[in-house]
């Protein structure tokens, strides 16, 4: 049976291969890999798509510390559970959630994600997802209110450990590429998508290095 430890060991091997492939495919990544060292992507293997998307909604448009505090209070409403089960979320009163700092809009989004989880559209576990196509999962999960393509792409990279996701709408990815290439204007998403074709099948790793490029 596959375990998080096995996932992690396989993933580390894949990261090292990704660095070799990207360095051969594009001189930009030879430089970025030299400057920033080995890729340190570290997915949260224990998180289901349901949990990842609820967390993403909680963090939308909030400072990290504030969102972390709200999320902790949300989880504390459900003692005995590592993360609130969707059926129990649907059963709680609005007032309970507003008391922990969730806005009415975010509560509506979280309830819809929970409803989609109960329906089986958004999984509460990771089983059966290994062979699912990225675009299929994006189309499926964005059926939930408040869940856009970017949120699902972040979940694919940082929870499911998908190695070939290029979030071209992400400001940091575009900014990192534009800075590394010394462009006068920010690259457009469609142009980055076209350029990024050469980075397959390791576009998530490419994104990680582009995020690092913004810090240089």
Protein backbone atom coordinates (compact mmCIF):
# COMPACT_ATOMS: atom_id res chain seq x y z
CA UNK A 1 0.00 0.00 0.00
CA UNK A 2 1.23 3.47 -0.88
CA UNK A 3 2.06 5.69 2.10
CA UNK A 4 2.98 9.37 2.54
CA UNK A 5 6.58 8.26 3.16
CA UNK A 6 6.63 6.36 -0.12
CA UNK A 7 5.07 9.33 -1.91
CA UNK A 8 7.75 11.60 -0.48
CA UNK A 9 10.65 9.34 -1.48
CA UNK A 10 9.33 8.96 -5.04
CA UNK A 11 8.68 12.68 -5.22
CA UNK A 12 12.23 13.61 -4.23
CA UNK A 13 13.58 11.40 -7.02
CA UNK A 14 11.21 13.13 -9.45
CA UNK A 15 12.36 16.58 -8.31
CA UNK A 16 15.97 15.76 -9.05
CA UNK A 17 15.01 14.46 -12.50
CA UNK A 18 12.93 17.60 -13.06
CA UNK A 19 15.95 19.79 -12.37
CA UNK A 20 18.00 17.87 -14.94
CA UNK A 21 15.25 18.06 -17.58
CA UNK A 22 14.59 21.78 -17.04
CA UNK A 23 18.30 22.62 -17.14
CA UNK A 24 18.60 20.85 -20.49
CA UNK A 25 15.37 22.36 -21.86
CA UNK A 26 15.99 26.03 -21.09
CA UNK A 27 19.10 28.07 -20.19
CA UNK A 28 16.88 30.16 -17.88
CA UNK A 29 16.51 27.19 -15.54
CA UNK A 30 20.19 26.32 -15.64
CA UNK A 31 20.74 29.75 -14.14
CA UNK A 32 17.83 29.61 -11.68
CA UNK A 33 18.80 26.14 -10.44
CA UNK A 34 22.38 27.32 -9.97
CA UNK A 35 21.22 30.41 -8.08
CA UNK A 36 18.54 28.83 -5.89
CA UNK A 37 19.69 25.26 -5.43
CA UNK A 38 17.55 22.11 -5.36
CA UNK A 39 13.79 22.47 -5.64
CA UNK A 40 12.17 22.32 -2.20
CA UNK A 41 8.55 21.71 -3.15
CA UNK A 42 7.03 19.73 -0.27
CA UNK A 43 3.36 18.76 -0.78
CA UNK A 44 1.07 18.22 2.20
CA UNK A 45 0.36 14.58 1.40
CA UNK A 46 -2.20 14.15 4.17
CA UNK A 47 -4.55 16.84 2.85
CA UNK A 48 -7.56 15.85 0.78
CA UNK A 49 -8.88 18.06 -2.04
CA UNK A 50 -11.78 19.00 0.26
CA UNK A 51 -9.48 20.17 3.06
CA UNK A 52 -7.14 21.98 0.68
CA UNK A 53 -9.95 23.95 -0.95
CA UNK A 54 -11.55 24.93 2.38
CA UNK A 55 -8.14 26.16 3.54
CA UNK A 56 -7.68 28.09 0.29
CA UNK A 57 -11.05 29.83 0.69
CA UNK A 58 -10.23 30.75 4.29
CA UNK A 59 -6.98 32.38 3.19
CA UNK A 60 -8.46 34.36 0.28
CA UNK A 61 -7.80 38.12 0.58
CA UNK A 62 -6.46 37.84 4.13
CA UNK A 63 -3.06 38.30 5.75
CA UNK A 64 -1.52 34.92 6.58
CA UNK A 65 -1.62 35.36 10.36
CA UNK A 66 -5.26 36.43 10.41
CA UNK A 67 -6.31 33.57 8.14
CA UNK A 68 -4.34 31.05 10.22
CA UNK A 69 -6.12 32.22 13.38
CA UNK A 70 -9.57 32.00 11.74
CA UNK A 71 -8.80 28.54 10.38
CA UNK A 72 -7.67 27.34 13.81
CA UNK A 73 -10.92 28.57 15.39
CA UNK A 74 -12.92 26.94 12.59
CA UNK A 75 -11.22 23.58 13.16
CA UNK A 76 -11.70 23.93 16.94
CA UNK A 77 -15.48 23.95 16.41
CA UNK A 78 -15.19 20.23 15.67
CA UNK A 79 -13.30 18.53 18.52
CA UNK A 80 -12.22 14.99 17.82
CA UNK A 81 -11.64 15.64 14.13
CA UNK A 82 -8.31 16.52 12.51
CA UNK A 83 -10.30 18.61 10.03
CA UNK A 84 -14.06 19.35 10.02
CA UNK A 85 -16.00 16.67 8.06
CA UNK A 86 -18.24 18.13 5.33
CA UNK A 87 -21.49 16.67 6.69
CA UNK A 88 -20.83 18.22 10.11
CA UNK A 89 -19.97 21.57 8.50
CA UNK A 90 -23.34 21.55 6.72
CA UNK A 91 -25.12 20.73 9.99
CA UNK A 92 -23.73 23.69 11.97
CA UNK A 93 -25.51 27.03 12.26
CA UNK A 94 -24.21 30.11 10.45
CA UNK A 95 -23.76 31.90 13.76
CA UNK A 96 -21.16 29.37 14.90
CA UNK A 97 -18.97 30.09 11.89
CA UNK A 98 -19.43 33.85 11.96
CA UNK A 99 -18.27 33.71 15.55
CA UNK A 100 -14.86 32.42 14.47
CA UNK A 101 -14.39 35.24 11.98
CA UNK A 102 -15.63 33.80 8.68
CA UNK A 103 -17.41 36.33 6.50
CA UNK A 104 -20.86 35.52 5.15
CA UNK A 105 -19.40 35.17 1.64
CA UNK A 106 -16.63 32.79 2.70
CA UNK A 107 -19.07 30.77 4.76
CA UNK A 108 -21.23 30.37 1.68
CA UNK A 109 -18.22 29.18 -0.32
CA UNK A 110 -17.15 26.71 2.39
CA UNK A 111 -20.67 25.34 2.67
CA UNK A 112 -20.77 24.81 -1.09
CA UNK A 113 -17.42 22.98 -1.04
CA UNK A 114 -18.76 20.82 1.80
CA UNK A 115 -21.93 20.15 -0.18
CA UNK A 116 -19.89 19.16 -3.24
CA UNK A 117 -17.84 16.87 -0.99
CA UNK A 118 -20.97 15.17 0.33
CA UNK A 119 -22.10 14.70 -3.27
CA UNK A 120 -18.75 13.13 -4.14
CA UNK A 121 -17.71 15.86 -6.58
CA UNK A 122 -14.85 17.03 -4.33
CA UNK A 123 -13.14 14.05 -2.64
CA UNK A 124 -12.64 13.85 1.11
CA UNK A 125 -9.75 11.45 0.53
CA UNK A 126 -7.08 11.02 -2.12
CA UNK A 127 -7.98 7.52 -3.31
CA UNK A 128 -8.77 7.22 -6.98
CA UNK A 129 -7.18 10.55 -7.96
CA UNK A 130 -3.77 9.30 -9.03
CA UNK A 131 -4.78 8.77 -12.66
CA UNK A 132 -7.13 11.76 -12.95
CA UNK A 133 -6.09 14.38 -15.49
CA UNK A 134 -5.23 17.89 -14.19
CA UNK A 135 -7.73 19.61 -16.50
CA UNK A 136 -10.42 17.12 -15.50
CA UNK A 137 -9.88 17.94 -11.82
CA UNK A 138 -9.86 21.68 -12.49
CA UNK A 139 -13.18 21.43 -14.33
CA UNK A 140 -14.64 19.24 -11.60
CA UNK A 141 -13.53 21.22 -8.55
CA UNK A 142 -14.31 24.67 -9.95
CA UNK A 143 -17.99 23.67 -9.87
CA UNK A 144 -17.85 24.82 -6.23
CA UNK A 145 -18.55 28.48 -5.51
CA UNK A 146 -15.47 30.49 -4.63
CA UNK A 147 -13.11 27.93 -6.15
CA UNK A 148 -11.31 29.22 -9.23
CA UNK A 149 -8.70 27.68 -11.46
CA UNK A 150 -5.83 29.17 -9.43
CA UNK A 151 -7.09 27.59 -6.18
CA UNK A 152 -7.25 24.17 -7.81
CA UNK A 153 -3.82 24.59 -9.38
CA UNK A 154 -2.35 25.38 -5.96
CA UNK A 155 -4.07 22.28 -4.57
CA UNK A 156 -2.69 20.15 -7.41
CA UNK A 157 0.86 21.37 -6.71
CA UNK A 158 0.92 21.64 -2.92
CA UNK A 159 -1.45 18.84 -1.89
CA UNK A 160 -1.59 16.25 -4.66
CA UNK A 161 2.04 16.77 -5.65
CA UNK A 162 1.34 17.11 -9.36
CA UNK A 163 4.57 17.93 -11.17
CA UNK A 164 3.23 19.39 -14.41
CA UNK A 165 1.07 22.39 -13.44
CA UNK A 166 1.96 25.89 -14.65
CA UNK A 167 -0.30 28.49 -12.98
CA UNK A 168 0.06 31.15 -15.66
CA UNK A 169 -2.43 33.49 -13.95
CA UNK A 170 -0.34 33.56 -10.78
CA UNK A 171 1.23 36.98 -10.31
CA UNK A 172 4.41 35.59 -8.74
CA UNK A 173 5.05 33.13 -11.57
CA UNK A 174 4.60 35.82 -14.21
CA UNK A 175 6.63 38.34 -12.23
CA UNK A 176 9.44 35.85 -11.69
CA UNK A 177 9.69 35.03 -15.38
CA UNK A 178 9.54 38.69 -16.38
CA UNK A 179 12.23 39.62 -13.87
CA UNK A 180 14.50 36.71 -14.76
CA UNK A 181 14.23 37.53 -18.47
CA UNK A 182 14.56 41.30 -17.83
CA UNK A 183 11.35 42.06 -19.72
CA UNK A 184 10.12 45.64 -19.90
CA UNK A 185 6.51 44.57 -19.33
CA UNK A 186 4.90 41.71 -17.41
CA UNK A 187 4.44 38.66 -19.59
CA UNK A 188 0.84 37.79 -20.45
CA UNK A 189 -0.59 34.46 -19.24
CA UNK A 190 -1.17 33.09 -22.75
CA UNK A 191 2.40 33.91 -23.77
CA UNK A 192 3.81 32.25 -20.65
CA UNK A 193 1.66 29.18 -21.33
CA UNK A 194 3.11 28.90 -24.83
CA UNK A 195 6.70 29.32 -23.64
CA UNK A 196 6.08 26.90 -20.79
CA UNK A 197 5.24 24.04 -23.14
CA UNK A 198 8.95 23.29 -23.35
CA UNK A 199 9.09 22.79 -19.56
CA UNK A 200 6.68 19.84 -19.56
CA UNK A 201 6.37 17.44 -17.80
CA UNK A 202 7.83 19.44 -14.89
CA UNK A 203 6.04 22.77 -15.05
CA UNK A 204 5.27 22.78 -11.31
CA UNK A 205 8.99 22.72 -10.64
CA UNK A 206 9.46 25.49 -13.19
CA UNK A 207 6.84 27.52 -11.29
CA UNK A 208 8.72 26.99 -8.02
CA UNK A 209 11.90 28.42 -9.55
CA UNK A 210 9.99 31.35 -11.03
CA UNK A 211 8.56 32.12 -7.57
CA UNK A 212 12.13 32.07 -6.23
CA UNK A 213 13.21 34.45 -9.00
CA UNK A 214 10.98 37.17 -7.53
CA UNK A 215 13.01 37.05 -4.30
CA UNK A 216 16.41 37.62 -5.92
